[in-house]
PDB file of N, CA and C in Angstrom:
ATOM      1  N   UNK A   1       0.838  -1.173   0.000  1.00  0.00           N
ATOM      2  CA  UNK A   1       0.000   0.000   0.000  1.00  0.00           C
ATOM      3  C   UNK A   1       0.884   1.237   0.000  1.00  0.00           C
ATOM      4  N   UNK A   2       1.183   1.726  -1.177  1.00  0.00           N
ATOM      5  CA  UNK A   2       2.040   2.894  -1.307  1.00  0.00           C
ATOM      6  C   UNK A   2       1.221   4.153  -1.121  1.00  0.00           C
ATOM      7  N   UNK A   3       1.786   5.068  -0.357  1.00  0.00           N
ATOM      8  CA  UNK A   3       1.110   6.337  -0.117  1.00  0.00           C
ATOM      9  C   UNK A   3       2.019   7.475  -0.524  1.00  0.00           C
ATOM     10  N   UNK A   4       1.452   8.524  -1.074  1.00  0.00           N
ATOM     11  CA  UNK A   4       2.183   9.721  -1.437  1.00  0.00           C
ATOM     12  C   UNK A   4       2.482  10.493  -0.153  1.00  0.00           C
ATOM     13  N   UNK A   5       3.757  10.810   0.138  1.00  0.00           N
ATOM     14  CA  UNK A   5       4.087  11.496   1.389  1.00  0.00           C
ATOM     15  C   UNK A   5       3.477  12.888   1.501  1.00  0.00           C
ATOM     16  N   UNK A   6       3.151  13.518   0.368  1.00  0.00           N
ATOM     17  CA  UNK A   6       2.548  14.853   0.395  1.00  0.00           C
ATOM     18  C   UNK A   6       1.029  14.807   0.523  1.00  0.00           C
ATOM     19  N   UNK A   7       0.462  13.609   0.421  1.00  0.00           N
ATOM     20  CA  UNK A   7      -0.982  13.446   0.473  1.00  0.00           C
ATOM     21  C   UNK A   7      -1.504  13.714   1.883  1.00  0.00           C
ATOM     22  N   UNK A   8      -2.585  14.474   1.979  1.00  0.00           N
ATOM     23  CA  UNK A   8      -3.192  14.739   3.280  1.00  0.00           C
ATOM     24  C   UNK A   8      -4.082  13.570   3.665  1.00  0.00           C
ATOM     25  N   UNK A   9      -4.193  13.339   4.955  1.00  0.00           N
ATOM     26  CA  UNK A   9      -4.998  12.237   5.455  1.00  0.00           C
ATOM     27  C   UNK A   9      -6.338  12.745   5.961  1.00  0.00           C
ATOM     28  N   UNK A  10      -7.362  11.935   5.756  1.00  0.00           N
ATOM     29  CA  UNK A  10      -8.690  12.223   6.301  1.00  0.00           C
ATOM     30  C   UNK A  10      -8.875  11.350   7.531  1.00  0.00           C
ATOM     31  N   UNK A  11      -9.649  11.805   8.458  1.00  0.00           N
ATOM     32  CA  UNK A  11      -9.878  11.062   9.698  1.00  0.00           C
ATOM     33  C   UNK A  11     -11.198  10.299   9.596  1.00  0.00           C
ATOM     34  N   UNK A  12     -11.171   9.048  10.029  1.00  0.00           N
ATOM     35  CA  UNK A  12     -12.374   8.228  10.160  1.00  0.00           C
ATOM     36  C   UNK A  12     -12.394   7.748  11.599  1.00  0.00           C
ATOM     37  N   UNK A  13     -13.465   8.004  12.277  1.00  0.00           N
ATOM     38  CA  UNK A  13     -13.568   7.557  13.661  1.00  0.00           C
ATOM     39  C   UNK A  13     -14.590   6.425  13.742  1.00  0.00           C
ATOM     40  N   UNK A  14     -14.254   5.421  14.529  1.00  0.00           N
ATOM     41  CA  UNK A  14     -15.181   4.311  14.747  1.00  0.00           C
ATOM     42  C   UNK A  14     -15.296   4.070  16.243  1.00  0.00           C
ATOM     43  N   UNK A  15     -16.365   3.461  16.626  1.00  0.00           N
ATOM     44  CA  UNK A  15     -16.571   3.107  18.030  1.00  0.00           C
ATOM     45  C   UNK A  15     -16.606   1.587  18.137  1.00  0.00           C
ATOM     46  N   UNK A  16     -15.877   1.093  19.122  1.00  0.00           N
ATOM     47  CA  UNK A  16     -15.846  -0.344  19.366  1.00  0.00           C
ATOM     48  C   UNK A  16     -15.900  -0.580  20.868  1.00  0.00           C
ATOM     49  N   UNK A  17     -16.288  -1.782  21.229  1.00  0.00           N
ATOM     50  CA  UNK A  17     -16.280  -2.157  22.634  1.00  0.00           C
ATOM     51  C   UNK A  17     -14.833  -2.236  23.109  1.00  0.00           C
ATOM     52  N   UNK A  18     -14.581  -1.924  24.383  1.00  0.00           N
ATOM     53  CA  UNK A  18     -13.201  -1.978  24.894  1.00  0.00           C
ATOM     54  C   UNK A  18     -12.515  -3.314  24.650  1.00  0.00           C
ATOM     55  N   UNK A  19     -13.240  -4.428  24.804  1.00  0.00           N
ATOM     56  CA  UNK A  19     -12.611  -5.736  24.582  1.00  0.00           C
ATOM     57  C   UNK A  19     -12.256  -5.929  23.110  1.00  0.00           C
ATOM     58  N   UNK A  20     -13.086  -5.400  22.192  1.00  0.00           N
ATOM     59  CA  UNK A  20     -12.777  -5.494  20.767  1.00  0.00           C
ATOM     60  C   UNK A  20     -11.587  -4.609  20.414  1.00  0.00           C
ATOM     61  N   UNK A  21     -11.501  -3.436  21.055  1.00  0.00           N
ATOM     62  CA  UNK A  21     -10.359  -2.551  20.821  1.00  0.00           C
ATOM     63  C   UNK A  21      -9.065  -3.256  21.221  1.00  0.00           C
ATOM     64  N   UNK A  22      -9.073  -3.948  22.330  1.00  0.00           N
ATOM     65  CA  UNK A  22      -7.877  -4.671  22.779  1.00  0.00           C
ATOM     66  C   UNK A  22      -7.514  -5.788  21.803  1.00  0.00           C
ATOM     67  N   UNK A  23      -8.524  -6.515  21.311  1.00  0.00           N
ATOM     68  CA  UNK A  23      -8.265  -7.578  20.337  1.00  0.00           C
ATOM     69  C   UNK A  23      -7.635  -7.008  19.069  1.00  0.00           C
ATOM     70  N   UNK A  24      -8.200  -5.911  18.571  1.00  0.00           N
ATOM     71  CA  UNK A  24      -7.692  -5.278  17.359  1.00  0.00           C
ATOM     72  C   UNK A  24      -6.256  -4.811  17.580  1.00  0.00           C
ATOM     73  N   UNK A  25      -5.997  -4.196  18.731  1.00  0.00           N
ATOM     74  CA  UNK A  25      -4.651  -3.723  19.038  1.00  0.00           C
ATOM     75  C   UNK A  25      -3.649  -4.880  19.091  1.00  0.00           C
ATOM     76  N   UNK A  26      -4.031  -5.994  19.719  1.00  0.00           N
ATOM     77  CA  UNK A  26      -3.136  -7.154  19.807  1.00  0.00           C
ATOM     78  C   UNK A  26      -2.832  -7.715  18.427  1.00  0.00           C
ATOM     79  N   UNK A  27      -3.848  -7.821  17.579  1.00  0.00           N
ATOM     80  CA  UNK A  27      -3.640  -8.345  16.225  1.00  0.00           C
ATOM     81  C   UNK A  27      -2.757  -7.396  15.424  1.00  0.00           C
ATOM     82  N   UNK A  28      -3.014  -6.083  15.533  1.00  0.00           N
ATOM     83  CA  UNK A  28      -2.193  -5.092  14.827  1.00  0.00           C
ATOM     84  C   UNK A  28      -0.738  -5.186  15.289  1.00  0.00           C
ATOM     85  N   UNK A  29      -0.538  -5.339  16.597  1.00  0.00           N
ATOM     86  CA  UNK A  29       0.824  -5.479  17.134  1.00  0.00           C
ATOM     87  C   UNK A  29       1.519  -6.709  16.553  1.00  0.00           C
ATOM     88  N   UNK A  30       0.786  -7.822  16.450  1.00  0.00           N
ATOM     89  CA  UNK A  30       1.370  -9.045  15.891  1.00  0.00           C
ATOM     90  C   UNK A  30       1.769  -8.862  14.432  1.00  0.00           C
ATOM     91  N   UNK A  31       1.093  -7.949  13.746  1.00  0.00           N
ATOM     92  CA  UNK A  31       1.404  -7.668  12.344  1.00  0.00           C
ATOM     93  C   UNK A  31       2.408  -6.525  12.218  1.00  0.00           C
ATOM     94  N   UNK A  32       2.846  -5.988  13.345  1.00  0.00           N
ATOM     95  CA  UNK A  32       3.785  -4.870  13.389  1.00  0.00           C
ATOM     96  C   UNK A  32       3.213  -3.641  12.674  1.00  0.00           C
ATOM     97  N   UNK A  33       1.918  -3.411  12.881  1.00  0.00           N
ATOM     98  CA  UNK A  33       1.227  -2.268  12.286  1.00  0.00           C
ATOM     99  C   UNK A  33       0.556  -1.449  13.382  1.00  0.00           C
ATOM    100  N   UNK A  34       0.344  -0.165  13.101  1.00  0.00           N
ATOM    101  CA  UNK A  34      -0.477   0.640  14.013  1.00  0.00           C
ATOM    102  C   UNK A  34      -1.920   0.170  13.861  1.00  0.00           C
ATOM    103  N   UNK A  35      -2.743   0.500  14.839  1.00  0.00           N
ATOM    104  CA  UNK A  35      -4.159   0.132  14.752  1.00  0.00           C
ATOM    105  C   UNK A  35      -4.772   0.771  13.510  1.00  0.00           C
ATOM    106  N   UNK A  36      -4.450   2.027  13.261  1.00  0.00           N
ATOM    107  CA  UNK A  36      -5.000   2.715  12.088  1.00  0.00           C
ATOM    108  C   UNK A  36      -4.613   2.009  10.794  1.00  0.00           C
ATOM    109  N   UNK A  37      -3.329   1.685  10.648  1.00  0.00           N
ATOM    110  CA  UNK A  37      -2.876   1.026   9.419  1.00  0.00           C
ATOM    111  C   UNK A  37      -3.508  -0.353   9.276  1.00  0.00           C
ATOM    112  N   UNK A  38      -3.633  -1.077  10.396  1.00  0.00           N
ATOM    113  CA  UNK A  38      -4.250  -2.398  10.355  1.00  0.00           C
ATOM    114  C   UNK A  38      -5.710  -2.288   9.891  1.00  0.00           C
ATOM    115  N   UNK A  39      -6.464  -1.354  10.456  1.00  0.00           N
ATOM    116  CA  UNK A  39      -7.882  -1.186  10.102  1.00  0.00           C
ATOM    117  C   UNK A  39      -8.015  -0.758   8.641  1.00  0.00           C
ATOM    118  N   UNK A  40      -7.132   0.123   8.180  1.00  0.00           N
ATOM    119  CA  UNK A  40      -7.165   0.550   6.773  1.00  0.00           C
ATOM    120  C   UNK A  40      -6.914  -0.646   5.860  1.00  0.00           C
ATOM    121  N   UNK A  41      -5.887  -1.435   6.176  1.00  0.00           N
ATOM    122  CA  UNK A  41      -5.597  -2.597   5.337  1.00  0.00           C
ATOM    123  C   UNK A  41      -6.771  -3.569   5.308  1.00  0.00           C
ATOM    124  N   UNK A  42      -7.377  -3.834   6.446  1.00  0.00           N
ATOM    125  CA  UNK A  42      -8.526  -4.751   6.475  1.00  0.00           C
ATOM    126  C   UNK A  42      -9.701  -4.169   5.695  1.00  0.00           C
ATOM    127  N   UNK A  43      -9.941  -2.877   5.828  1.00  0.00           N
ATOM    128  CA  UNK A  43     -11.059  -2.241   5.123  1.00  0.00           C
ATOM    129  C   UNK A  43     -10.854  -2.294   3.613  1.00  0.00           C
ATOM    130  N   UNK A  44      -9.595  -2.283   3.182  1.00  0.00           N
ATOM    131  CA  UNK A  44      -9.282  -2.369   1.754  1.00  0.00           C
ATOM    132  C   UNK A  44      -9.100  -3.810   1.297  1.00  0.00           C
ATOM    133  N   UNK A  45      -9.513  -4.751   2.135  1.00  0.00           N
ATOM    134  CA  UNK A  45      -9.526  -6.185   1.854  1.00  0.00           C
ATOM    135  C   UNK A  45      -8.142  -6.826   1.818  1.00  0.00           C
ATOM    136  N   UNK A  46      -7.143  -6.191   2.426  1.00  0.00           N
ATOM    137  CA  UNK A  46      -5.840  -6.840   2.565  1.00  0.00           C
ATOM    138  C   UNK A  46      -5.880  -7.707   3.804  1.00  0.00           C
ATOM    139  N   UNK A  47      -5.069  -8.749   3.814  1.00  0.00           N
ATOM    140  CA  UNK A  47      -4.948  -9.620   4.976  1.00  0.00           C
ATOM    141  C   UNK A  47      -3.524  -9.508   5.492  1.00  0.00           C
ATOM    142  N   UNK A  48      -3.265  -8.561   6.388  1.00  0.00           N
ATOM    143  CA  UNK A  48      -1.895  -8.407   6.884  1.00  0.00           C
ATOM    144  C   UNK A  48      -1.403  -9.688   7.547  1.00  0.00           C
ATOM    145  N   UNK A  49      -0.145  -9.966   7.361  1.00  0.00           N
ATOM    146  CA  UNK A  49       0.461 -11.162   7.956  1.00  0.00           C
ATOM    147  C   UNK A  49       1.068 -10.806   9.304  1.00  0.00           C
ATOM    148  N   UNK A  50       1.067 -11.769  10.189  1.00  0.00           N
ATOM    149  CA  UNK A  50       1.744 -11.550  11.457  1.00  0.00           C
ATOM    150  C   UNK A  50       3.246 -11.548  11.198  1.00  0.00           C
ATOM    151  N   UNK A  51       3.971 -10.863  12.062  1.00  0.00           N
ATOM    152  CA  UNK A  51       5.422 -10.804  11.926  1.00  0.00           C
ATOM    153  C   UNK A  51       5.985 -12.174  12.287  1.00  0.00           C
ATOM    154  N   UNK A  52       6.792 -12.683  11.405  1.00  0.00           N
ATOM    155  CA  UNK A  52       7.340 -14.018  11.601  1.00  0.00           C
ATOM    156  C   UNK A  52       8.515 -13.980  12.569  1.00  0.00           C
ATOM    157  N   UNK A  53       8.735 -15.075  13.281  1.00  0.00           N
ATOM    158  CA  UNK A  53       9.859 -15.109  14.221  1.00  0.00           C
ATOM    159  C   UNK A  53      11.200 -15.092  13.485  1.00  0.00           C
ATOM    160  N   UNK A  54      12.234 -14.650  14.180  1.00  0.00           N
ATOM    161  CA  UNK A  54      13.573 -14.572  13.586  1.00  0.00           C
ATOM    162  C   UNK A  54      14.043 -15.909  13.038  1.00  0.00           C
ATOM    163  N   UNK A  55      13.624 -17.002  13.671  1.00  0.00           N
ATOM    164  CA  UNK A  55      14.054 -18.320  13.212  1.00  0.00           C
ATOM    165  C   UNK A  55      13.601 -18.572  11.778  1.00  0.00           C
ATOM    166  N   UNK A  56      12.447 -18.054  11.402  1.00  0.00           N
ATOM    167  CA  UNK A  56      11.986 -18.203  10.019  1.00  0.00           C
ATOM    168  C   UNK A  56      12.976 -17.545   9.065  1.00  0.00           C
ATOM    169  N   UNK A  57      13.383 -16.311   9.388  1.00  0.00           N
ATOM    170  CA  UNK A  57      14.288 -15.584   8.507  1.00  0.00           C
ATOM    171  C   UNK A  57      15.655 -16.259   8.439  1.00  0.00           C
ATOM    172  N   UNK A  58      16.103 -16.841   9.543  1.00  0.00           N
ATOM    173  CA  UNK A  58      17.348 -17.599   9.528  1.00  0.00           C
ATOM    174  C   UNK A  58      17.231 -18.777   8.557  1.00  0.00           C
ATOM    175  N   UNK A  59      16.117 -19.490   8.652  1.00  0.00           N
ATOM    176  CA  UNK A  59      15.872 -20.642   7.778  1.00  0.00           C
ATOM    177  C   UNK A  59      15.776 -20.199   6.316  1.00  0.00           C
ATOM    178  N   UNK A  60      15.043 -19.149   6.067  1.00  0.00           N
ATOM    179  CA  UNK A  60      14.863 -18.620   4.715  1.00  0.00           C
ATOM    180  C   UNK A  60      16.210 -18.204   4.122  1.00  0.00           C
ATOM    181  N   UNK A  61      17.034 -17.509   4.914  1.00  0.00           N
ATOM    182  CA  UNK A  61      18.350 -17.077   4.445  1.00  0.00           C
ATOM    183  C   UNK A  61      19.268 -18.260   4.153  1.00  0.00           C
ATOM    184  N   UNK A  62      19.184 -19.301   4.968  1.00  0.00           N
ATOM    185  CA  UNK A  62      19.999 -20.497   4.727  1.00  0.00           C
ATOM    186  C   UNK A  62      19.599 -21.172   3.415  1.00  0.00           C
ATOM    187  N   UNK A  63      18.295 -21.202   3.137  1.00  0.00           N
ATOM    188  CA  UNK A  63      17.841 -21.755   1.856  1.00  0.00           C
ATOM    189  C   UNK A  63      18.399 -20.939   0.690  1.00  0.00           C
ATOM    190  N   UNK A  64      18.349 -19.629   0.833  1.00  0.00           N
ATOM    191  CA  UNK A  64      18.875 -18.755  -0.225  1.00  0.00           C
ATOM    192  C   UNK A  64      20.373 -18.969  -0.410  1.00  0.00           C
ATOM    193  N   UNK A  65      21.107 -19.071   0.699  1.00  0.00           N
ATOM    194  CA  UNK A  65      22.549 -19.315   0.629  1.00  0.00           C
ATOM    195  C   UNK A  65      22.846 -20.644  -0.051  1.00  0.00           C
ATOM    196  N   UNK A  66      22.064 -21.657   0.291  1.00  0.00           N
ATOM    197  CA  UNK A  66      22.246 -22.975  -0.317  1.00  0.00           C
ATOM    198  C   UNK A  66      22.117 -22.891  -1.832  1.00  0.00           C
ATOM    199  N   UNK A  67      21.132 -22.144  -2.277  1.00  0.00           N
ATOM    200  CA  UNK A  67      20.936 -21.983  -3.727  1.00  0.00           C
ATOM    201  C   UNK A  67      22.115 -21.271  -4.371  1.00  0.00           C
ATOM    202  N   UNK A  68      22.709 -20.338  -3.651  1.00  0.00           N
ATOM    203  CA  UNK A  68      23.779 -19.522  -4.228  1.00  0.00           C
ATOM    204  C   UNK A  68      25.165 -20.149  -4.141  1.00  0.00           C
ATOM    205  N   UNK A  69      25.397 -21.029  -3.157  1.00  0.00           N
ATOM    206  CA  UNK A  69      26.766 -21.497  -2.940  1.00  0.00           C
ATOM    207  C   UNK A  69      27.004 -22.952  -3.302  1.00  0.00           C
ATOM    208  N   UNK A  70      26.013 -23.781  -3.196  1.00  0.00           N
ATOM    209  CA  UNK A  70      26.218 -25.210  -3.442  1.00  0.00           C
ATOM    210  C   UNK A  70      26.114 -25.531  -4.922  1.00  0.00           C
ATOM    211  N   UNK A  71      26.820 -26.584  -5.280  1.00  0.00           N
ATOM    212  CA  UNK A  71      26.689 -27.069  -6.647  1.00  0.00           C
ATOM    213  C   UNK A  71      25.465 -27.974  -6.704  1.00  0.00           C
ATOM    214  N   UNK A  72      24.460 -27.494  -7.370  1.00  0.00           N
ATOM    215  CA  UNK A  72      23.197 -28.225  -7.452  1.00  0.00           C
ATOM    216  C   UNK A  72      22.916 -28.586  -8.894  1.00  0.00           C
ATOM    217  N   UNK A  73      22.171 -29.656  -9.051  1.00  0.00           N
ATOM    218  CA  UNK A  73      21.707 -29.976 -10.396  1.00  0.00           C
ATOM    219  C   UNK A  73      20.691 -28.913 -10.794  1.00  0.00           C
ATOM    220  N   UNK A  74      20.545 -28.651 -12.045  1.00  0.00           N
ATOM    221  CA  UNK A  74      19.552 -27.651 -12.469  1.00  0.00           C
ATOM    222  C   UNK A  74      18.144 -27.963 -11.955  1.00  0.00           C
ATOM    223  N   UNK A  75      17.811 -29.244 -11.891  1.00  0.00           N
ATOM    224  CA  UNK A  75      16.479 -29.635 -11.416  1.00  0.00           C
ATOM    225  C   UNK A  75      16.295 -29.293  -9.934  1.00  0.00           C
ATOM    226  N   UNK A  76      17.289 -29.632  -9.107  1.00  0.00           N
ATOM    227  CA  UNK A  76      17.203 -29.342  -7.672  1.00  0.00           C
ATOM    228  C   UNK A  76      17.226 -27.839  -7.433  1.00  0.00           C
ATOM    229  N   UNK A  77      18.073 -27.138  -8.165  1.00  0.00           N
ATOM    230  CA  UNK A  77      18.136 -25.683  -8.029  1.00  0.00           C
ATOM    231  C   UNK A  77      16.795 -25.051  -8.384  1.00  0.00           C
ATOM    232  N   UNK A  78      16.178 -25.531  -9.441  1.00  0.00           N
ATOM    233  CA  UNK A  78      14.875 -25.020  -9.861  1.00  0.00           C
ATOM    234  C   UNK A  78      13.823 -25.255  -8.782  1.00  0.00           C
ATOM    235  N   UNK A  79      13.833 -26.448  -8.187  1.00  0.00           N
ATOM    236  CA  UNK A  79      12.869 -26.764  -7.127  1.00  0.00           C
ATOM    237  C   UNK A  79      13.110 -25.902  -5.887  1.00  0.00           C
ATOM    238  N   UNK A  80      14.382 -25.687  -5.531  1.00  0.00           N
ATOM    239  CA  UNK A  80      14.697 -24.844  -4.382  1.00  0.00           C
ATOM    240  C   UNK A  80      14.235 -23.402  -4.610  1.00  0.00           C
ATOM    241  N   UNK A  81      14.486 -22.885  -5.798  1.00  0.00           N
ATOM    242  CA  UNK A  81      14.059 -21.527  -6.103  1.00  0.00           C
ATOM    243  C   UNK A  81      12.546 -21.392  -6.075  1.00  0.00           C
ATOM    244  N   UNK A  82      11.850 -22.397  -6.571  1.00  0.00           N
ATOM    245  CA  UNK A  82      10.385 -22.389  -6.498  1.00  0.00           C
ATOM    246  C   UNK A  82       9.916 -22.392  -5.050  1.00  0.00           C
ATOM    247  N   UNK A  83      10.551 -23.211  -4.213  1.00  0.00           N
ATOM    248  CA  UNK A  83      10.201 -23.277  -2.797  1.00  0.00           C
ATOM    249  C   UNK A  83      10.420 -21.937  -2.112  1.00  0.00           C
ATOM    250  N   UNK A  84      11.548 -21.296  -2.392  1.00  0.00           N
ATOM    251  CA  UNK A  84      11.824 -19.978  -1.804  1.00  0.00           C
ATOM    252  C   UNK A  84      10.781 -18.967  -2.257  1.00  0.00           C
ATOM    253  N   UNK A  85      10.422 -18.979  -3.531  1.00  0.00           N
ATOM    254  CA  UNK A  85       9.388 -18.070  -4.029  1.00  0.00           C
ATOM    255  C   UNK A  85       8.040 -18.331  -3.352  1.00  0.00           C
ATOM    256  N   UNK A  86       7.704 -19.602  -3.155  1.00  0.00           N
ATOM    257  CA  UNK A  86       6.443 -19.941  -2.494  1.00  0.00           C
ATOM    258  C   UNK A  86       6.442 -19.472  -1.040  1.00  0.00           C
ATOM    259  N   UNK A  87       7.545 -19.677  -0.342  1.00  0.00           N
ATOM    260  CA  UNK A  87       7.664 -19.209   1.045  1.00  0.00           C
ATOM    261  C   UNK A  87       7.500 -17.696   1.083  1.00  0.00           C
ATOM    262  N   UNK A  88       8.197 -17.023   0.191  1.00  0.00           N
ATOM    263  CA  UNK A  88       8.138 -15.563   0.143  1.00  0.00           C
ATOM    264  C   UNK A  88       6.706 -15.082  -0.119  1.00  0.00           C
ATOM    265  N   UNK A  89       6.061 -15.666  -1.112  1.00  0.00           N
ATOM    266  CA  UNK A  89       4.699 -15.251  -1.459  1.00  0.00           C
ATOM    267  C   UNK A  89       3.692 -15.582  -0.362  1.00  0.00           C
ATOM    268  N   UNK A  90       3.791 -16.775   0.191  1.00  0.00           N
ATOM    269  CA  UNK A  90       2.795 -17.228   1.157  1.00  0.00           C
ATOM    270  C   UNK A  90       2.947 -16.572   2.518  1.00  0.00           C
ATOM    271  N   UNK A  91       4.167 -16.270   2.911  1.00  0.00           N
ATOM    272  CA  UNK A  91       4.374 -15.804   4.281  1.00  0.00           C
ATOM    273  C   UNK A  91       4.789 -14.348   4.411  1.00  0.00           C
ATOM    274  N   UNK A  92       5.292 -13.746   3.367  1.00  0.00           N
ATOM    275  CA  UNK A  92       5.818 -12.393   3.513  1.00  0.00           C
ATOM    276  C   UNK A  92       4.995 -11.327   2.806  1.00  0.00           C
ATOM    277  N   UNK A  93       4.380 -11.658   1.696  1.00  0.00           N
ATOM    278  CA  UNK A  93       3.636 -10.650   0.947  1.00  0.00           C
ATOM    279  C   UNK A  93       2.186 -10.578   1.417  1.00  0.00           C
ATOM    280  N   UNK A  94       1.653  -9.370   1.592  1.00  0.00           N
ATOM    281  CA  UNK A  94       0.246  -9.273   1.990  1.00  0.00           C
ATOM    282  C   UNK A  94      -0.649  -9.737   0.859  1.00  0.00           C
ATOM    283  N   UNK A  95      -1.738 -10.383   1.225  1.00  0.00           N
ATOM    284  CA  UNK A  95      -2.710 -10.843   0.234  1.00  0.00           C
ATOM    285  C   UNK A  95      -3.876  -9.889   0.202  1.00  0.00           C
ATOM    286  N   UNK A  96      -4.519  -9.829  -0.913  1.00  0.00           N
ATOM    287  CA  UNK A  96      -5.737  -9.049  -1.011  1.00  0.00           C
ATOM    288  C   UNK A  96      -6.868 -10.004  -1.323  1.00  0.00           C
ATOM    289  N   UNK A  97      -7.913  -9.939  -0.519  1.00  0.00           N
ATOM    290  CA  UNK A  97      -9.077 -10.786  -0.750  1.00  0.00           C
ATOM    291  C   UNK A  97      -9.761 -10.362  -2.037  1.00  0.00           C
ATOM    292  N   UNK A  98     -10.348 -11.312  -2.710  1.00  0.00           N
ATOM    293  CA  UNK A  98     -11.167 -10.973  -3.865  1.00  0.00           C
ATOM    294  C   UNK A  98     -12.518 -10.488  -3.346  1.00  0.00           C
ATOM    295  N   UNK A  99     -13.250  -9.811  -4.198  1.00  0.00           N
ATOM    296  CA  UNK A  99     -14.580  -9.340  -3.809  1.00  0.00           C
ATOM    297  C   UNK A  99     -15.454 -10.533  -3.411  1.00  0.00           C
ATOM    298  N   UNK A 100     -15.330 -11.629  -4.163  1.00  0.00           N
ATOM    299  CA  UNK A 100     -16.118 -12.827  -3.874  1.00  0.00           C
ATOM    300  C   UNK A 100     -15.784 -13.370  -2.478  1.00  0.00           C
ATOM    301  N   UNK A 101     -14.485 -13.453  -2.140  1.00  0.00           N
ATOM    302  CA  UNK A 101     -14.082 -13.931  -0.821  1.00  0.00           C
ATOM    303  C   UNK A 101     -14.620 -13.004   0.265  1.00  0.00           C
ATOM    304  N   UNK A 102     -14.536 -11.704   0.026  1.00  0.00           N
ATOM    305  CA  UNK A 102     -15.010 -10.724   0.995  1.00  0.00           C
ATOM    306  C   UNK A 102     -16.508 -10.878   1.228  1.00  0.00           C
ATOM    307  N   UNK A 103     -17.282 -10.981   0.137  1.00  0.00           N
ATOM    308  CA  UNK A 103     -18.733 -11.136   0.257  1.00  0.00           C
ATOM    309  C   UNK A 103     -19.086 -12.456   0.931  1.00  0.00           C
ATOM    310  N   UNK A 104     -18.401 -13.532   0.565  1.00  0.00           N
ATOM    311  CA  UNK A 104     -18.657 -14.827   1.206  1.00  0.00           C
ATOM    312  C   UNK A 104     -18.372 -14.761   2.696  1.00  0.00           C
ATOM    313  N   UNK A 105     -17.325 -14.063   3.084  1.00  0.00           N
ATOM    314  CA  UNK A 105     -16.988 -13.923   4.494  1.00  0.00           C
ATOM    315  C   UNK A 105     -18.056 -13.185   5.261  1.00  0.00           C
ATOM    316  N   UNK A 106     -18.650 -12.175   4.635  1.00  0.00           N
ATOM    317  CA  UNK A 106     -19.716 -11.416   5.292  1.00  0.00           C
ATOM    318  C   UNK A 106     -20.984 -12.255   5.399  1.00  0.00           C
ATOM    319  N   UNK A 107     -21.300 -12.977   4.320  1.00  0.00           N
ATOM    320  CA  UNK A 107     -22.522 -13.777   4.311  1.00  0.00           C
ATOM    321  C   UNK A 107     -22.442 -14.941   5.287  1.00  0.00           C
ATOM    322  N   UNK A 108     -21.280 -15.576   5.373  1.00  0.00           N
ATOM    323  CA  UNK A 108     -21.132 -16.747   6.222  1.00  0.00           C
ATOM    324  C   UNK A 108     -21.058 -16.361   7.690  1.00  0.00           C
ATOM    325  N   UNK A 109     -20.343 -15.284   7.978  1.00  0.00           N
ATOM    326  CA  UNK A 109     -20.107 -14.921   9.366  1.00  0.00           C
ATOM    327  C   UNK A 109     -19.976 -13.412   9.444  1.00  0.00           C
ATOM    328  N   UNK A 110     -20.830 -12.780  10.233  1.00  0.00           N
ATOM    329  CA  UNK A 110     -20.780 -11.333  10.292  1.00  0.00           C
ATOM    330  C   UNK A 110     -19.678 -10.818  11.213  1.00  0.00           C
ATOM    331  N   UNK A 111     -18.923 -11.709  11.859  1.00  0.00           N
ATOM    332  CA  UNK A 111     -17.825 -11.286  12.724  1.00  0.00           C
ATOM    333  C   UNK A 111     -16.535 -11.893  12.200  1.00  0.00           C
ATOM    334  N   UNK A 112     -15.651 -11.067  11.652  1.00  0.00           N
ATOM    335  CA  UNK A 112     -14.407 -11.555  11.084  1.00  0.00           C
ATOM    336  C   UNK A 112     -13.385 -11.739  12.179  1.00  0.00           C
ATOM    337  N   UNK A 113     -12.826 -12.930  12.267  1.00  0.00           N
ATOM    338  CA  UNK A 113     -11.774 -13.206  13.235  1.00  0.00           C
ATOM    339  C   UNK A 113     -10.586 -13.792  12.494  1.00  0.00           C
ATOM    340  N   UNK A 114      -9.486 -13.043  12.386  1.00  0.00           N
ATOM    341  CA  UNK A 114      -8.313 -13.548  11.671  1.00  0.00           C
ATOM    342  C   UNK A 114      -7.570 -14.559  12.537  1.00  0.00           C
ATOM    343  N   UNK A 115      -6.734 -15.374  11.903  1.00  0.00           N
ATOM    344  CA  UNK A 115      -5.904 -16.269  12.709  1.00  0.00           C
ATOM    345  C   UNK A 115      -4.859 -15.428  13.439  1.00  0.00           C
ATOM    346  N   UNK A 116      -4.410 -15.925  14.611  1.00  0.00           N
ATOM    347  CA  UNK A 116      -3.367 -15.231  15.330  1.00  0.00           C
ATOM    348  C   UNK A 116      -2.039 -15.341  14.611  1.00  0.00           C
ATOM    349  N   UNK A 117      -1.857 -16.432  13.863  1.00  0.00           N
ATOM    350  CA  UNK A 117      -0.640 -16.588  13.081  1.00  0.00           C
ATOM    351  C   UNK A 117      -0.899 -17.600  11.988  1.00  0.00           C
ATOM    352  N   UNK A 118       0.052 -17.691  11.092  1.00  0.00           N
ATOM    353  CA  UNK A 118      -0.076 -18.666  10.017  1.00  0.00           C
ATOM    354  C   UNK A 118      -0.835 -18.085   8.842  1.00  0.00           C
ATOM    355  N   UNK A 119      -1.142 -18.940   7.917  1.00  0.00           N
ATOM    356  CA  UNK A 119      -1.801 -18.510   6.687  1.00  0.00           C
ATOM    357  C   UNK A 119      -3.283 -18.291   6.905  1.00  0.00           C
ATOM    358  N   UNK A 120      -3.836 -17.365   6.168  1.00  0.00           N
ATOM    359  CA  UNK A 120      -5.267 -17.081   6.254  1.00  0.00           C
ATOM    360  C   UNK A 120      -5.864 -17.161   4.867  1.00  0.00           C
ATOM    361  N   UNK A 121      -5.754 -18.313   4.274  1.00  0.00           N
ATOM    362  CA  UNK A 121      -6.276 -18.509   2.929  1.00  0.00           C
ATOM    363  C   UNK A 121      -7.703 -18.998   2.997  1.00  0.00           C
ATOM    364  N   UNK A 122      -8.526 -18.449   2.144  1.00  0.00           N
ATOM    365  CA  UNK A 122      -9.879 -18.939   1.982  1.00  0.00           C
ATOM    366  C   UNK A 122     -10.027 -19.371   0.557  1.00  0.00           C
ATOM    367  N   UNK A 123     -10.808 -20.343   0.324  1.00  0.00           N
ATOM    368  CA  UNK A 123     -10.800 -20.796  -1.024  1.00  0.00           C
ATOM    369  C   UNK A 123     -12.077 -21.155  -1.565  1.00  0.00           C
TER     370      UNK A 123
END
């Protein structure tokens, strides 16, 4: 979500129950986002990811190093690169729900509860 630094911001105020405010704040913290940014992303149908533990990044970096330093067959190298791309896409890049997914989520359940961690794919 790229924003123009010169762009002025408009204020939107919402009212929530204190317990819901705490839940939203905890989820935003897990995603390393402010409450405002988290609510904006959700309203625009993005599914922010929780911040992954350092051990994940250590593992991811080791996979990348393996691809760059070891002598691999082209087939194994291709599979490793695909795996790294899948990890990157699935765990690091924010997803945007489709309109259909968004509408189905509203119709099925009027209270959206994201997972505390892990993937949040709907299909």
